[in-house]
Each structure stands twice: as structure tokens, then as C-alpha cells.
Amino acid sequence: MPVARRSRLKQPPAPPVLHHRVYVVRLRNPLGDGRDGYYVGMTGLTPEERFDNHTRGYRSAKVVTRCGVALAPEWYGDIPPMTFADAALCEPTLADELRDLGHLVFGPTNRPAPGQRGGKKR
């Protein structure tokens, strides 16, 4: 007697994991010129845990370890948790917005480097 095969039911894709956050750290005089600045980053931890890691020097940006004063939730507090891919897009956008407001910002950018053309690479 033939054995009945079990059909494999396809599972629906798992919902995206929404635990990545974009955060901003206030920096005290990072260039030594009297101006304060900000560092913009992204993390899968809470912003508080990530800031603690920066201050301890664990997987940290040196500018935050050296000059980080506190988190600046006024710049990121209303941004909800998101997927890694969305956070990777949001991080440079937020950094550029702070630059547009005239702040000194350490972090990524969506803008081409000086001397480089914008647009797609071929």
C-alpha cells in the first residue's frame, strides 16, 4: 500500500522585525573650536543601551566616546522602531536634516562627497 505524502504547506513570510532605532547624541566641542555637535547613529538596542556602549568604548564611535554628553531625544524621540533596512535609510536622512539646520553633525550622509558627481554609478 503506498504511503501518503504530506504536502508541505508554505508558511506565510514572517513579519518584519521592527526593533532598529535611529538615535542622536549631543557632543561637547568635538572639533575643539567651541561649537557643540551631534552624532547620528542606528542600533538594534535601545538608544540608552547603545549610548552606554559608546561611553564605555565598546563598539563605539570615537567621537562619542571622547565628546558624548547625552542622548538628544528631541531629534529622534518621535521616530518609531523600524526594520534594519528602513533605519539604514533614515539615519543619513536625519543627519542631513540636522546639517541643513546648521548643526555640526558626525554620521552618514546621502550627499555625494565633494568632487564627486551625484547620480547612479555605471
C-alpha atoms as a PDB file:
ATOM      1  CA  MET A   1       0.000   0.000   0.000  1.00  0.00           C
ATOM      2  CA  PRO A   2       1.510   3.364  -0.974  1.00  0.00           C
ATOM      3  CA  VAL A   3       2.424   5.812   1.771  1.00  0.00           C
ATOM      4  CA  ALA A   4       0.577   9.094   1.541  1.00  0.00           C
ATOM      5  CA  ARG A   5       2.904  12.078   1.186  1.00  0.00           C
ATOM      6  CA  ARG A   6       2.336  15.034   3.363  1.00  0.00           C
ATOM      7  CA  SER A   7       2.054  18.158   1.383  1.00  0.00           C
ATOM      8  CA  ARG A   8       4.283  20.904   2.627  1.00  0.00           C
ATOM      9  CA  LEU A   9       2.282  23.923   3.454  1.00  0.00           C
ATOM     10  CA  LYS A  10       4.041  27.139   2.728  1.00  0.00           C
ATOM     11  CA  GLN A  11       4.248  29.307   5.773  1.00  0.00           C
ATOM     12  CA  PRO A  12       3.452  32.962   5.292  1.00  0.00           C
ATOM     13  CA  PRO A  13       6.558  35.147   5.499  1.00  0.00           C
ATOM     14  CA  ALA A  14       7.430  36.316   8.968  1.00  0.00           C
ATOM     15  CA  PRO A  15       6.522  39.921   9.695  1.00  0.00           C
ATOM     16  CA  PRO A  16       9.487  42.308   9.553  1.00  0.00           C
ATOM     17  CA  VAL A  17      11.322  42.841  12.814  1.00  0.00           C
ATOM     18  CA  LEU A  18      10.784  46.421  13.955  1.00  0.00           C
ATOM     19  CA  HIS A  19      13.411  46.905  16.615  1.00  0.00           C
ATOM     20  CA  HIS A  20      16.063  49.102  14.989  1.00  0.00           C
ATOM     21  CA  ARG A  21      16.224  52.700  16.122  1.00  0.00           C
ATOM     22  CA  VAL A  22      17.895  55.859  14.907  1.00  0.00           C
ATOM     23  CA  TYR A  23      19.391  57.959  17.721  1.00  0.00           C
ATOM     24  CA  VAL A  24      21.229  61.243  18.219  1.00  0.00           C
ATOM     25  CA  VAL A  25      23.988  62.010  20.744  1.00  0.00           C
ATOM     26  CA  ARG A  26      24.875  65.551  21.797  1.00  0.00           C
ATOM     27  CA  LEU A  27      28.632  66.173  21.552  1.00  0.00           C
ATOM     28  CA  ARG A  28      30.633  68.743  23.515  1.00  0.00           C
ATOM     29  CA  ASN A  29      33.092  70.679  21.335  1.00  0.00           C
ATOM     30  CA  PRO A  30      34.208  67.715  19.165  1.00  0.00           C
ATOM     31  CA  LEU A  31      36.472  69.794  16.879  1.00  0.00           C
ATOM     32  CA  GLY A  32      37.941  71.919  19.660  1.00  0.00           C
ATOM     33  CA  ASP A  33      36.557  75.105  18.086  1.00  0.00           C
ATOM     34  CA  GLY A  34      33.922  75.875  20.719  1.00  0.00           C
ATOM     35  CA  ARG A  35      30.962  74.501  18.729  1.00  0.00           C
ATOM     36  CA  ASP A  36      28.858  71.649  20.003  1.00  0.00           C
ATOM     37  CA  GLY A  37      27.656  68.982  17.616  1.00  0.00           C
ATOM     38  CA  TYR A  38      25.673  65.804  17.182  1.00  0.00           C
ATOM     39  CA  TYR A  39      26.352  62.205  16.273  1.00  0.00           C
ATOM     40  CA  VAL A  40      23.617  60.299  14.425  1.00  0.00           C
ATOM     41  CA  GLY A  41      23.586  56.501  14.523  1.00  0.00           C
ATOM     42  CA  MET A  42      21.340  53.472  14.321  1.00  0.00           C
ATOM     43  CA  THR A  43      21.086  50.454  16.589  1.00  0.00           C
ATOM     44  CA  GLY A  44      19.196  47.269  17.301  1.00  0.00           C
ATOM     45  CA  LEU A  45      19.489  48.072  21.020  1.00  0.00           C
ATOM     46  CA  THR A  46      17.666  50.782  22.888  1.00  0.00           C
ATOM     47  CA  PRO A  47      19.271  54.197  22.392  1.00  0.00           C
ATOM     48  CA  GLU A  48      20.177  54.211  26.097  1.00  0.00           C
ATOM     49  CA  GLU A  49      21.982  50.855  25.860  1.00  0.00           C
ATOM     50  CA  ARG A  50      23.802  51.992  22.718  1.00  0.00           C
ATOM     51  CA  PHE A  51      24.878  55.271  24.347  1.00  0.00           C
ATOM     52  CA  ASP A  52      26.205  53.318  27.348  1.00  0.00           C
ATOM     53  CA  ASN A  53      28.259  51.155  24.958  1.00  0.00           C
ATOM     54  CA  HIS A  54      29.658  54.274  23.290  1.00  0.00           C
ATOM     55  CA  THR A  55      30.693  55.801  26.611  1.00  0.00           C
ATOM     56  CA  ARG A  56      32.358  52.534  27.693  1.00  0.00           C
ATOM     57  CA  GLY A  57      34.222  52.369  24.381  1.00  0.00           C
ATOM     58  CA  TYR A  58      32.517  49.141  23.310  1.00  0.00           C
ATOM     59  CA  ARG A  59      31.938  49.100  19.528  1.00  0.00           C
ATOM     60  CA  SER A  60      31.820  52.849  19.695  1.00  0.00           C
ATOM     61  CA  ALA A  61      32.366  55.866  17.516  1.00  0.00           C
ATOM     62  CA  LYS A  62      35.463  57.525  18.960  1.00  0.00           C
ATOM     63  CA  VAL A  63      33.899  60.979  18.758  1.00  0.00           C
ATOM     64  CA  VAL A  64      31.056  59.800  21.033  1.00  0.00           C
ATOM     65  CA  THR A  65      33.408  58.113  23.493  1.00  0.00           C
ATOM     66  CA  ARG A  66      35.514  61.298  23.643  1.00  0.00           C
ATOM     67  CA  CYS A  67      32.837  64.027  23.457  1.00  0.00           C
ATOM     68  CA  GLY A  68      29.422  62.412  24.011  1.00  0.00           C
ATOM     69  CA  VAL A  69      27.395  64.277  26.633  1.00  0.00           C
ATOM     70  CA  ALA A  70      23.904  62.787  26.439  1.00  0.00           C
ATOM     71  CA  LEU A  71      21.252  61.464  24.126  1.00  0.00           C
ATOM     72  CA  ALA A  72      19.230  64.129  22.313  1.00  0.00           C
ATOM     73  CA  PRO A  73      15.735  62.578  22.138  1.00  0.00           C
ATOM     74  CA  GLU A  74      14.250  65.857  20.917  1.00  0.00           C
ATOM     75  CA  TRP A  75      15.699  64.914  17.496  1.00  0.00           C
ATOM     76  CA  TYR A  76      14.702  61.235  17.346  1.00  0.00           C
ATOM     77  CA  GLY A  77      12.065  60.575  20.010  1.00  0.00           C
ATOM     78  CA  ASP A  78       9.147  60.644  17.576  1.00  0.00           C
ATOM     79  CA  ILE A  79      10.775  58.225  15.107  1.00  0.00           C
ATOM     80  CA  PRO A  80       9.320  54.747  15.745  1.00  0.00           C
ATOM     81  CA  PRO A  81      11.256  51.471  15.715  1.00  0.00           C
ATOM     82  CA  MET A  82      11.737  50.118  12.189  1.00  0.00           C
ATOM     83  CA  THR A  83      13.388  47.402  10.148  1.00  0.00           C
ATOM     84  CA  PHE A  84      17.144  47.419   9.655  1.00  0.00           C
ATOM     85  CA  ALA A  85      16.731  48.479   6.013  1.00  0.00           C
ATOM     86  CA  ASP A  86      14.470  51.402   6.937  1.00  0.00           C
ATOM     87  CA  ALA A  87      16.821  52.516   9.715  1.00  0.00           C
ATOM     88  CA  ALA A  88      19.740  52.408   7.281  1.00  0.00           C
ATOM     89  CA  LEU A  89      17.823  54.858   5.066  1.00  0.00           C
ATOM     90  CA  CYS A  90      16.564  57.037   7.927  1.00  0.00           C
ATOM     91  CA  GLU A  91      19.965  57.505   9.615  1.00  0.00           C
ATOM     92  CA  PRO A  92      21.667  59.556   6.851  1.00  0.00           C
ATOM     93  CA  THR A  93      18.440  61.437   6.141  1.00  0.00           C
ATOM     94  CA  LEU A  94      18.184  62.609   9.764  1.00  0.00           C
ATOM     95  CA  ALA A  95      21.892  63.531   9.791  1.00  0.00           C
ATOM     96  CA  ASP A  96      21.437  65.621   6.622  1.00  0.00           C
ATOM     97  CA  GLU A  97      18.366  67.344   8.110  1.00  0.00           C
ATOM     98  CA  LEU A  98      20.424  68.384  11.147  1.00  0.00           C
ATOM     99  CA  ARG A  99      23.188  69.641   8.830  1.00  0.00           C
ATOM    100  CA  ASP A 100      20.599  71.672   6.910  1.00  0.00           C
ATOM    101  CA  LEU A 101      19.654  73.334  10.212  1.00  0.00           C
ATOM    102  CA  GLY A 102      23.289  74.453  10.587  1.00  0.00           C
ATOM    103  CA  HIS A 103      24.464  71.887  13.144  1.00  0.00           C
ATOM    104  CA  LEU A 104      27.842  70.166  13.145  1.00  0.00           C
ATOM    105  CA  VAL A 105      26.970  66.508  12.567  1.00  0.00           C
ATOM    106  CA  PHE A 106      29.038  63.335  12.656  1.00  0.00           C
ATOM    107  CA  GLY A 107      27.420  60.425  10.901  1.00  0.00           C
ATOM    108  CA  PRO A 108      26.423  59.252   7.450  1.00  0.00           C
ATOM    109  CA  THR A 109      25.096  61.347   4.601  1.00  0.00           C
ATOM    110  CA  ASN A 110      23.072  60.812   1.447  1.00  0.00           C
ATOM    111  CA  ARG A 111      25.004  63.564  -0.303  1.00  0.00           C
ATOM    112  CA  PRO A 112      27.878  62.921  -2.708  1.00  0.00           C
ATOM    113  CA  ALA A 113      31.354  63.616  -1.397  1.00  0.00           C
ATOM    114  CA  PRO A 114      32.950  66.890  -2.542  1.00  0.00           C
ATOM    115  CA  GLY A 115      34.356  66.456  -6.018  1.00  0.00           C
ATOM    116  CA  GLN A 116      32.095  63.512  -6.841  1.00  0.00           C
ATOM    117  CA  ARG A 117      29.141  63.639  -9.152  1.00  0.00           C
ATOM    118  CA  GLY A 118      25.741  62.627  -7.899  1.00  0.00           C
ATOM    119  CA  GLY A 119      23.652  60.015  -9.605  1.00  0.00           C
ATOM    120  CA  LYS A 120      23.980  56.345 -10.345  1.00  0.00           C
ATOM    121  CA  LYS A 121      27.311  54.646 -10.899  1.00  0.00           C
ATOM    122  CA  ARG A 122      27.748  52.746 -14.131  1.00  0.00           C
END
